[in-house]
Amino acid sequence: IERKSFGASEDYSHFMSTVQAAGGKGTYVQVGTNRKAGHHNNHFDFDEKTLGNALELMSRCVWRTLAK
């Protein structure tokens, strides 16, 4: 899995840190896709087939967690 720094989601990282400090578990996952334009742009669009990959990833995480 390729990992890159992207400098975003500071709000979520604060939320996740708060949950973890209280004993909870949290993670942040991004699923990449090709885009026609950047975020917050009126030409933004992405390949919706990527949603299936994200669903597969999240489903596997849930099933593995429940199996423990």
N, C-alpha and C. Protein backbone atom coordinates (compact mmCIF):
# COMPACT_ATOMS: atom_id res chain seq x y z
N ILE A 1 0.85 -1.17 0.00
CA ILE A 1 0.00 0.00 0.00
C ILE A 1 0.89 1.22 0.00
N GLU A 2 0.65 2.10 -0.95
CA GLU A 2 1.42 3.33 -1.02
C GLU A 2 0.86 4.33 0.00
N ARG A 3 1.75 4.95 0.72
CA ARG A 3 1.34 5.91 1.75
C ARG A 3 1.94 7.27 1.41
N LYS A 4 1.10 8.30 1.40
CA LYS A 4 1.56 9.65 1.09
C LYS A 4 1.02 10.61 2.13
N SER A 5 1.78 11.65 2.39
CA SER A 5 1.30 12.73 3.26
C SER A 5 0.45 13.65 2.39
N PHE A 6 -0.71 14.05 2.89
CA PHE A 6 -1.58 14.90 2.08
C PHE A 6 -2.02 16.16 2.81
N GLY A 7 -1.65 16.31 4.08
CA GLY A 7 -1.88 17.55 4.81
C GLY A 7 -3.33 17.97 4.94
N ALA A 8 -4.23 17.04 5.13
CA ALA A 8 -5.65 17.39 5.26
C ALA A 8 -6.26 16.63 6.42
N SER A 9 -7.50 16.93 6.70
CA SER A 9 -8.30 16.22 7.70
C SER A 9 -7.83 16.46 9.13
N GLU A 10 -7.37 17.67 9.41
CA GLU A 10 -6.95 17.99 10.76
C GLU A 10 -8.11 17.83 11.74
N ASP A 11 -9.32 18.18 11.33
CA ASP A 11 -10.48 18.04 12.21
C ASP A 11 -10.70 16.59 12.60
N TYR A 12 -10.60 15.69 11.65
CA TYR A 12 -10.81 14.29 11.97
C TYR A 12 -9.69 13.75 12.85
N SER A 13 -8.46 14.16 12.60
CA SER A 13 -7.36 13.65 13.42
C SER A 13 -7.53 14.10 14.87
N HIS A 14 -8.06 15.29 15.08
CA HIS A 14 -8.34 15.75 16.45
C HIS A 14 -9.45 14.89 17.07
N PHE A 15 -10.51 14.66 16.32
CA PHE A 15 -11.62 13.83 16.79
C PHE A 15 -11.12 12.42 17.13
N MET A 16 -10.32 11.83 16.24
CA MET A 16 -9.82 10.48 16.46
C MET A 16 -8.90 10.43 17.68
N SER A 17 -8.06 11.43 17.85
CA SER A 17 -7.17 11.48 19.02
C SER A 17 -7.96 11.54 20.31
N THR A 18 -9.06 12.29 20.31
CA THR A 18 -9.92 12.40 21.49
C THR A 18 -10.55 11.05 21.82
N VAL A 19 -11.03 10.35 20.80
CA VAL A 19 -11.62 9.02 21.00
C VAL A 19 -10.57 8.05 21.54
N GLN A 20 -9.38 8.08 20.96
CA GLN A 20 -8.32 7.17 21.40
C GLN A 20 -7.86 7.50 22.82
N ALA A 21 -7.81 8.77 23.18
CA ALA A 21 -7.41 9.16 24.53
C ALA A 21 -8.40 8.65 25.57
N ALA A 22 -9.65 8.44 25.15
CA ALA A 22 -10.69 7.93 26.05
C ALA A 22 -10.76 6.40 26.01
N GLY A 23 -9.79 5.76 25.34
CA GLY A 23 -9.76 4.30 25.30
C GLY A 23 -10.41 3.69 24.07
N GLY A 24 -10.95 4.52 23.20
CA GLY A 24 -11.59 4.00 21.99
C GLY A 24 -10.58 3.74 20.89
N LYS A 25 -11.05 3.20 19.80
CA LYS A 25 -10.20 2.92 18.64
C LYS A 25 -10.68 3.74 17.46
N GLY A 26 -9.75 4.16 16.65
CA GLY A 26 -10.11 4.93 15.47
C GLY A 26 -9.03 4.83 14.41
N THR A 27 -9.42 5.07 13.19
CA THR A 27 -8.47 5.08 12.08
C THR A 27 -8.99 6.01 11.00
N TYR A 28 -8.13 6.37 10.10
CA TYR A 28 -8.50 7.22 8.97
C TYR A 28 -8.01 6.53 7.71
N VAL A 29 -8.88 6.32 6.77
CA VAL A 29 -8.54 5.61 5.54
C VAL A 29 -8.97 6.45 4.35
N GLN A 30 -8.11 6.53 3.36
CA GLN A 30 -8.48 7.17 2.09
C GLN A 30 -8.35 6.13 0.99
N VAL A 31 -9.30 6.13 0.09
CA VAL A 31 -9.25 5.27 -1.08
C VAL A 31 -9.08 6.18 -2.28
N GLY A 32 -8.00 5.98 -3.01
CA GLY A 32 -7.68 6.87 -4.13
C GLY A 32 -8.48 6.56 -5.39
N THR A 33 -8.58 7.56 -6.23
CA THR A 33 -9.23 7.42 -7.53
C THR A 33 -8.73 8.53 -8.45
N ASN A 34 -8.91 8.34 -9.73
CA ASN A 34 -8.58 9.42 -10.66
C ASN A 34 -9.67 10.47 -10.58
N ARG A 35 -9.26 11.74 -10.67
CA ARG A 35 -10.21 12.84 -10.61
C ARG A 35 -10.03 13.74 -11.83
N LYS A 36 -11.11 14.37 -12.24
CA LYS A 36 -11.02 15.31 -13.34
C LYS A 36 -10.51 16.66 -12.87
N ALA A 37 -10.76 16.98 -11.61
CA ALA A 37 -10.31 18.26 -11.04
C ALA A 37 -10.17 18.07 -9.53
N GLY A 38 -9.53 19.02 -8.89
CA GLY A 38 -9.31 18.94 -7.45
C GLY A 38 -10.59 19.12 -6.65
N HIS A 39 -10.47 18.84 -5.36
CA HIS A 39 -11.61 19.03 -4.45
C HIS A 39 -12.01 20.51 -4.42
N HIS A 40 -13.24 20.77 -4.03
CA HIS A 40 -13.77 22.13 -3.91
C HIS A 40 -13.67 22.88 -5.24
N ASN A 41 -13.98 22.18 -6.33
CA ASN A 41 -13.90 22.73 -7.67
C ASN A 41 -15.17 22.30 -8.40
N ASN A 42 -15.76 23.21 -9.18
CA ASN A 42 -17.02 22.86 -9.84
C ASN A 42 -16.85 21.81 -10.95
N HIS A 43 -15.62 21.45 -11.29
CA HIS A 43 -15.36 20.40 -12.27
C HIS A 43 -14.98 19.07 -11.61
N PHE A 44 -15.05 19.03 -10.27
CA PHE A 44 -14.68 17.82 -9.55
C PHE A 44 -15.60 16.66 -9.94
N ASP A 45 -15.00 15.52 -10.20
CA ASP A 45 -15.74 14.29 -10.48
C ASP A 45 -14.77 13.13 -10.24
N PHE A 46 -15.28 11.96 -9.97
CA PHE A 46 -14.42 10.81 -9.75
C PHE A 46 -15.10 9.56 -10.29
N ASP A 47 -14.31 8.52 -10.46
CA ASP A 47 -14.80 7.24 -10.97
C ASP A 47 -15.56 6.52 -9.86
N GLU A 48 -16.86 6.44 -9.98
CA GLU A 48 -17.70 5.84 -8.93
C GLU A 48 -17.44 4.35 -8.74
N LYS A 49 -16.76 3.70 -9.68
CA LYS A 49 -16.40 2.30 -9.50
C LYS A 49 -15.48 2.13 -8.30
N THR A 50 -14.77 3.18 -7.94
CA THR A 50 -13.88 3.15 -6.79
C THR A 50 -14.65 2.92 -5.49
N LEU A 51 -15.91 3.29 -5.46
CA LEU A 51 -16.72 3.10 -4.25
C LEU A 51 -16.81 1.62 -3.89
N GLY A 52 -16.82 0.75 -4.89
CA GLY A 52 -16.83 -0.69 -4.63
C GLY A 52 -15.57 -1.14 -3.90
N ASN A 53 -14.42 -0.57 -4.28
CA ASN A 53 -13.17 -0.89 -3.60
C ASN A 53 -13.23 -0.44 -2.14
N ALA A 54 -13.77 0.74 -1.91
CA ALA A 54 -13.88 1.26 -0.54
C ALA A 54 -14.82 0.39 0.29
N LEU A 55 -15.93 -0.02 -0.29
CA LEU A 55 -16.87 -0.88 0.41
C LEU A 55 -16.23 -2.22 0.76
N GLU A 56 -15.49 -2.78 -0.17
CA GLU A 56 -14.79 -4.04 0.07
C GLU A 56 -13.80 -3.89 1.22
N LEU A 57 -13.03 -2.83 1.23
CA LEU A 57 -12.06 -2.58 2.29
C LEU A 57 -12.74 -2.46 3.65
N MET A 58 -13.78 -1.64 3.71
CA MET A 58 -14.47 -1.44 4.99
C MET A 58 -15.16 -2.72 5.45
N SER A 59 -15.74 -3.48 4.53
CA SER A 59 -16.40 -4.74 4.89
C SER A 59 -15.41 -5.73 5.48
N ARG A 60 -14.24 -5.84 4.86
CA ARG A 60 -13.22 -6.75 5.38
C ARG A 60 -12.76 -6.33 6.78
N CYS A 61 -12.61 -5.03 6.98
CA CYS A 61 -12.21 -4.53 8.31
C CYS A 61 -13.27 -4.88 9.36
N VAL A 62 -14.53 -4.69 9.03
CA VAL A 62 -15.61 -5.00 9.97
C VAL A 62 -15.63 -6.49 10.28
N TRP A 63 -15.57 -7.34 9.25
CA TRP A 63 -15.63 -8.79 9.48
C TRP A 63 -14.44 -9.28 10.29
N ARG A 64 -13.26 -8.75 10.02
CA ARG A 64 -12.07 -9.15 10.81
C ARG A 64 -12.20 -8.71 12.26
N THR A 65 -12.73 -7.52 12.46
CA THR A 65 -12.91 -7.03 13.83
C THR A 65 -13.94 -7.87 14.58
N LEU A 66 -15.04 -8.20 13.93
CA LEU A 66 -16.09 -9.01 14.57
C LEU A 66 -15.62 -10.43 14.85
N ALA A 67 -14.68 -10.93 14.05
CA ALA A 67 -14.19 -12.30 14.24
C ALA A 67 -13.26 -12.44 15.44
N LYS A 68 -12.77 -11.33 15.96
CA LYS A 68 -11.84 -11.38 17.11
C LYS A 68 -12.57 -11.60 18.41
